[in-house]
Protein backbone atom coordinates (compact mmCIF):
# COMPACT_ATOMS: atom_id res chain seq x y z
CA UNK A 1 -5.53 24.02 -35.98
CA UNK A 2 -3.46 26.18 -33.06
CA UNK A 3 -2.79 24.89 -29.56
CA UNK A 4 -1.56 21.58 -30.58
CA UNK A 5 -0.12 19.39 -27.43
CA UNK A 6 3.83 17.94 -26.30
CA UNK A 7 2.54 13.89 -27.03
CA UNK A 8 0.60 15.07 -30.58
CA UNK A 9 3.73 16.72 -31.67
CA UNK A 10 5.80 13.89 -30.32
CA UNK A 11 4.03 12.03 -32.44
CA UNK A 12 4.58 14.20 -35.80
CA UNK A 13 8.27 14.52 -35.55
CA UNK A 14 8.49 10.52 -35.12
CA UNK A 15 6.00 9.82 -37.89
CA UNK A 16 8.81 12.49 -39.76
CA UNK A 17 6.19 15.16 -40.70
CA UNK A 18 8.48 18.27 -38.74
CA UNK A 19 8.29 20.42 -41.47
CA UNK A 20 4.16 20.11 -41.69
CA UNK A 21 4.34 20.66 -37.70
CA UNK A 22 6.31 24.37 -38.70
CA UNK A 23 3.76 24.37 -40.96
CA UNK A 24 1.06 24.32 -38.73
CA UNK A 25 3.05 26.38 -36.12
CA UNK A 26 4.05 29.79 -37.49
CA UNK A 27 0.39 29.66 -39.20
CA UNK A 28 -1.02 33.33 -39.42
CA UNK A 29 -4.39 33.20 -37.30
CA UNK A 30 -5.07 36.49 -38.08
CA UNK A 31 -5.47 35.96 -42.07
CA UNK A 32 -6.13 32.48 -42.01
CA UNK A 33 -9.53 33.65 -40.15
CA UNK A 34 -13.05 32.72 -41.24
CA UNK A 35 -11.04 30.05 -43.47
CA UNK A 36 -12.18 26.15 -43.29
CA UNK A 37 -10.96 23.56 -41.96
CA UNK A 38 -9.79 22.50 -45.24
CA UNK A 39 -8.80 25.40 -46.65
CA UNK A 40 -6.70 25.99 -43.31
CA UNK A 41 -5.35 22.26 -43.74
CA UNK A 42 -4.16 23.01 -47.32
CA UNK A 43 -2.47 26.04 -46.67
CA UNK A 44 -0.24 24.70 -44.41
CA UNK A 45 0.51 21.51 -47.04
CA UNK A 46 1.41 23.57 -49.46
CA UNK A 47 4.39 25.12 -46.62
CA UNK A 48 5.17 21.53 -45.45
CA UNK A 49 5.54 20.60 -49.80
CA UNK A 50 7.80 23.47 -50.11
CA UNK A 51 9.98 23.19 -47.21
CA UNK A 52 9.95 19.93 -47.86
CA UNK A 53 10.71 20.36 -51.80
CA UNK A 54 13.98 23.14 -50.79
CA UNK A 55 15.01 20.42 -48.35
CA UNK A 56 15.55 18.11 -50.77
CA UNK A 57 17.38 19.36 -52.83
CA UNK A 58 19.72 21.26 -50.45
CA UNK A 59 20.91 17.26 -50.31
CA UNK A 60 20.57 16.23 -53.90
CA UNK A 61 23.08 19.60 -54.59
CA UNK A 62 24.99 19.07 -51.62
CA UNK A 63 25.84 15.39 -52.19
CA UNK A 64 26.22 15.95 -55.71
CA UNK A 65 29.87 17.30 -55.34
CA UNK A 66 30.19 20.94 -57.14
CA UNK A 67 33.34 22.49 -58.58
CA UNK A 68 31.25 24.94 -58.25
CA UNK A 69 28.14 24.59 -55.42
CA UNK A 70 27.54 28.83 -56.94
CA UNK A 71 27.14 27.54 -60.36
CA UNK A 72 24.61 28.48 -62.78
CA UNK A 73 22.79 28.35 -65.94
CA UNK A 74 20.70 31.55 -66.54
CA UNK A 75 24.00 33.68 -64.80
CA UNK A 76 26.06 32.99 -67.47
CA UNK A 77 29.03 35.46 -67.97
CA UNK A 78 30.08 36.45 -71.98
CA UNK A 79 27.83 34.82 -73.46
CA UNK A 80 27.85 36.11 -77.00
CA UNK A 81 30.67 37.23 -76.14
CA UNK A 82 32.43 33.47 -75.80
CA UNK A 83 30.07 32.77 -79.12
CA UNK A 84 27.66 30.71 -76.82
CA UNK A 85 23.98 29.45 -77.82
CA UNK A 86 21.99 31.53 -75.42
CA UNK A 87 18.75 29.28 -76.97
CA UNK A 88 20.18 26.19 -76.00
CA UNK A 89 21.28 26.96 -72.76
CA UNK A 90 17.97 27.08 -71.51
CA UNK A 91 17.21 24.17 -73.55
CA UNK A 92 19.52 22.48 -71.15
CA UNK A 93 17.84 24.39 -68.30
CA UNK A 94 14.31 21.87 -69.06
CA UNK A 95 16.67 18.61 -68.94
CA UNK A 96 14.70 17.85 -71.25
CA UNK A 97 18.26 15.78 -72.29
CA UNK A 98 18.36 14.59 -69.83
CA UNK A 99 14.51 12.61 -70.18
CA UNK A 100 16.32 11.83 -73.92
CA UNK A 101 18.73 9.79 -72.55
CA UNK A 102 21.24 12.50 -74.21
CA UNK A 103 25.02 13.15 -73.75
CA UNK A 104 26.82 16.75 -73.71
CA UNK A 105 29.82 17.65 -74.22
CA UNK A 106 30.98 20.97 -73.31
CA UNK A 107 34.66 21.90 -75.49
CA UNK A 108 37.13 24.85 -74.93
CA UNK A 109 40.07 26.27 -74.45
CA UNK A 110 41.64 25.63 -71.21
CA UNK A 111 40.16 28.54 -68.35
CA UNK A 112 36.13 29.24 -71.06
CA UNK A 113 33.97 27.64 -68.58
CA UNK A 114 33.13 24.29 -69.47
CA UNK A 115 33.57 22.58 -65.57
CA UNK A 116 31.77 25.61 -64.92
CA UNK A 117 29.05 25.04 -66.90
CA UNK A 118 29.22 20.83 -66.68
CA UNK A 119 28.50 22.29 -62.37
CA UNK A 120 25.97 24.38 -63.65
CA UNK A 121 24.19 21.97 -65.38
CA UNK A 122 24.62 19.23 -62.55
CA UNK A 123 22.39 22.17 -60.14
CA UNK A 124 20.33 22.60 -62.52
CA UNK A 125 19.62 19.14 -62.36
CA UNK A 126 19.54 18.55 -59.30
CA UNK A 127 16.65 20.47 -59.15
CA UNK A 128 14.09 19.09 -60.67
CA UNK A 129 15.07 16.77 -58.85
CA UNK A 130 17.20 14.35 -60.44
CA UNK A 131 20.38 12.75 -59.30
CA UNK A 132 23.34 14.33 -60.42
CA UNK A 133 27.18 13.97 -60.09
CA UNK A 134 30.84 15.96 -60.43
CA UNK A 135 33.78 14.36 -60.59
CA UNK A 136 37.11 14.90 -62.17
CA UNK A 137 38.42 12.40 -64.10
CA UNK A 138 41.90 12.51 -62.45
CA UNK A 139 39.69 10.94 -59.27
CA UNK A 140 37.49 9.45 -60.69
CA UNK A 141 40.95 7.37 -62.54
CA UNK A 142 42.21 7.04 -58.46
CA UNK A 143 38.31 6.04 -56.88
CA UNK A 144 38.67 3.14 -59.00
CA UNK A 145 42.44 2.05 -57.93
CA UNK A 146 41.40 2.52 -54.87
CA UNK A 147 38.18 0.07 -55.32
CA UNK A 148 40.22 -2.59 -57.10
CA UNK A 149 41.88 -2.74 -53.38
CA UNK A 150 38.98 -3.70 -51.58
CA UNK A 151 36.38 -6.99 -52.42
CA UNK A 152 33.87 -6.45 -53.97
CA UNK A 153 35.29 -2.97 -54.91
CA UNK A 154 34.90 -2.70 -58.57
CA UNK A 155 31.39 -4.15 -58.54
CA UNK A 156 30.02 -1.46 -56.12
CA UNK A 157 31.96 1.03 -58.13
CA UNK A 158 30.63 0.37 -60.89
CA UNK A 159 27.13 -0.40 -59.35
CA UNK A 160 28.03 4.16 -57.82
CA UNK A 161 28.93 5.47 -60.80
CA UNK A 162 26.49 4.47 -62.59
CA UNK A 163 23.10 4.77 -60.64
CA UNK A 164 23.45 8.03 -61.62
CA UNK A 165 20.97 10.23 -63.78
CA UNK A 166 23.35 12.56 -64.67
CA UNK A 167 27.32 12.56 -64.67
CA UNK A 168 29.39 14.86 -65.41
CA UNK A 169 32.55 13.93 -66.02
CA UNK A 170 35.24 16.84 -65.40
CA UNK A 171 38.39 17.44 -67.36
CA UNK A 172 37.70 15.07 -70.33
CA UNK A 173 40.66 12.85 -71.01
CA UNK A 174 43.54 14.71 -69.60
CA UNK A 175 45.66 11.89 -69.05
CA UNK A 176 45.95 9.12 -71.61
CA UNK A 177 43.96 6.76 -69.76
CA UNK A 178 46.16 2.70 -69.53
CA UNK A 179 44.48 -0.15 -70.25
CA UNK A 180 41.91 -0.69 -67.44
CA UNK A 181 41.76 2.81 -66.98
CA UNK A 182 39.35 2.21 -70.94
CA UNK A 183 38.93 -1.64 -69.98
CA UNK A 184 36.75 0.74 -66.65
CA UNK A 185 35.46 3.63 -68.61
CA UNK A 186 33.47 0.92 -70.69
CA UNK A 187 32.02 -1.25 -69.20
CA UNK A 188 31.06 2.12 -67.08
CA UNK A 189 29.53 3.64 -70.27
CA UNK A 190 28.08 1.11 -71.50
CA UNK A 191 26.42 0.90 -68.22
CA UNK A 192 24.60 4.40 -68.29
CA UNK A 193 24.24 4.12 -72.25
CA UNK A 194 20.34 4.99 -73.16
CA UNK A 195 19.89 4.45 -69.79
CA UNK A 196 21.18 7.86 -68.17
CA UNK A 197 23.28 11.72 -69.48
CA UNK A 198 26.42 12.02 -68.92
CA UNK A 199 28.08 15.36 -69.47
CA UNK A 200 31.81 15.59 -70.47
CA UNK A 201 34.18 18.81 -70.22
CA UNK A 202 37.14 18.85 -72.02
CA UNK A 203 39.91 20.96 -74.31
CA UNK A 204 40.20 18.15 -76.34
CA UNK A 205 38.56 18.22 -80.39
CA UNK A 206 36.26 15.23 -80.82
CA UNK A 207 39.48 14.31 -83.71
CA UNK A 208 41.24 13.83 -80.85
CA UNK A 209 40.20 11.25 -78.55
CA UNK A 210 39.85 7.78 -80.38
CA UNK A 211 44.02 7.84 -80.09
CA UNK A 212 44.04 9.57 -75.92
CA UNK A 213 42.05 6.73 -76.32
CA UNK A 214 45.09 3.94 -76.94
CA UNK A 215 43.37 4.09 -80.70
CA UNK A 216 41.96 -0.21 -80.50
CA UNK A 217 39.12 -1.54 -79.58
CA UNK A 218 38.37 0.02 -76.22
CA UNK A 219 38.95 3.36 -77.86
CA UNK A 220 36.56 2.82 -80.83
CA UNK A 221 33.79 1.05 -77.89
CA UNK A 222 33.64 4.34 -75.63
CA UNK A 223 33.34 6.24 -78.55
CA UNK A 224 30.74 4.19 -80.18
CA UNK A 225 28.93 4.46 -76.66
CA UNK A 226 28.91 8.32 -76.66
CA UNK A 227 28.92 9.58 -79.99
CA UNK A 228 25.68 9.31 -81.77
CA UNK A 229 23.30 10.78 -79.00
CA UNK A 230 25.67 13.41 -78.02
CA UNK A 231 24.84 17.23 -78.04
CA UNK A 232 28.13 18.96 -78.39
CA UNK A 233 28.83 22.69 -77.42
CA UNK A 234 32.13 24.63 -78.04
CA UNK A 235 33.28 27.08 -74.71
CA UNK A 236 35.12 28.63 -76.58
CA UNK A 237 39.21 30.48 -76.26
CA UNK A 238 38.14 33.03 -74.48
CA UNK A 239 39.37 32.88 -70.81
CA UNK A 240 36.82 33.20 -68.11
CA UNK A 241 39.42 33.09 -65.33
CA UNK A 242 41.30 35.53 -66.46
CA UNK A 243 38.18 37.72 -66.64
CA UNK A 244 37.48 37.48 -63.57
CA UNK A 245 40.81 38.54 -62.06
CA UNK A 246 39.77 41.43 -63.92
CA UNK A 247 36.82 41.98 -62.36
CA UNK A 248 38.02 41.18 -58.51
């Protein structure tokens, strides 16, 4: 399979088979000596497929907009000290909750690692080739305000954020959303309910959500679309920012 001519290389690249071509060109003749054509082809395809998957995963992670791109569920510091359950984290790492269209809430004090956990979960989803996205609620609100000033902007906004298989909303309810924002949240969560998964990172207990959502019918409806199919995880009071600063 060595000695491919220039025209064949051009055709492979034209077909988007650059990874396959690279796998062919780096195949070790000594290691494959005596193998059948089919066996050598299988090795080439396996290598090209591995490169393709790696590239796809890297692209998903890059486009997810993670606040902490290096976050990893397998390397969470001080798990037991923070009251986190290793078995629960291991279960989350399988991303099976996404198959069940469940939501996740990471709730805890400021600095307790909620954002890091949210990013780690989104990154894990990307590694499972699941389309994920991270956004802070203040940024979501700003994006919504900009969308309202554009033709078909609100329709495109809702379509975009409803389409992510996993959406991580950080700093959930940090500010009190106004009536327009509450209406948007209701419509967005209605579209996501029962078909996707949403992660909420917040310092507020569930009992405080209704009041922060305005205590009206919108609050009732938004809560109804979140609380019934959600895994709640307390990230505790341990300040991981202080811990990181001491370690550094």
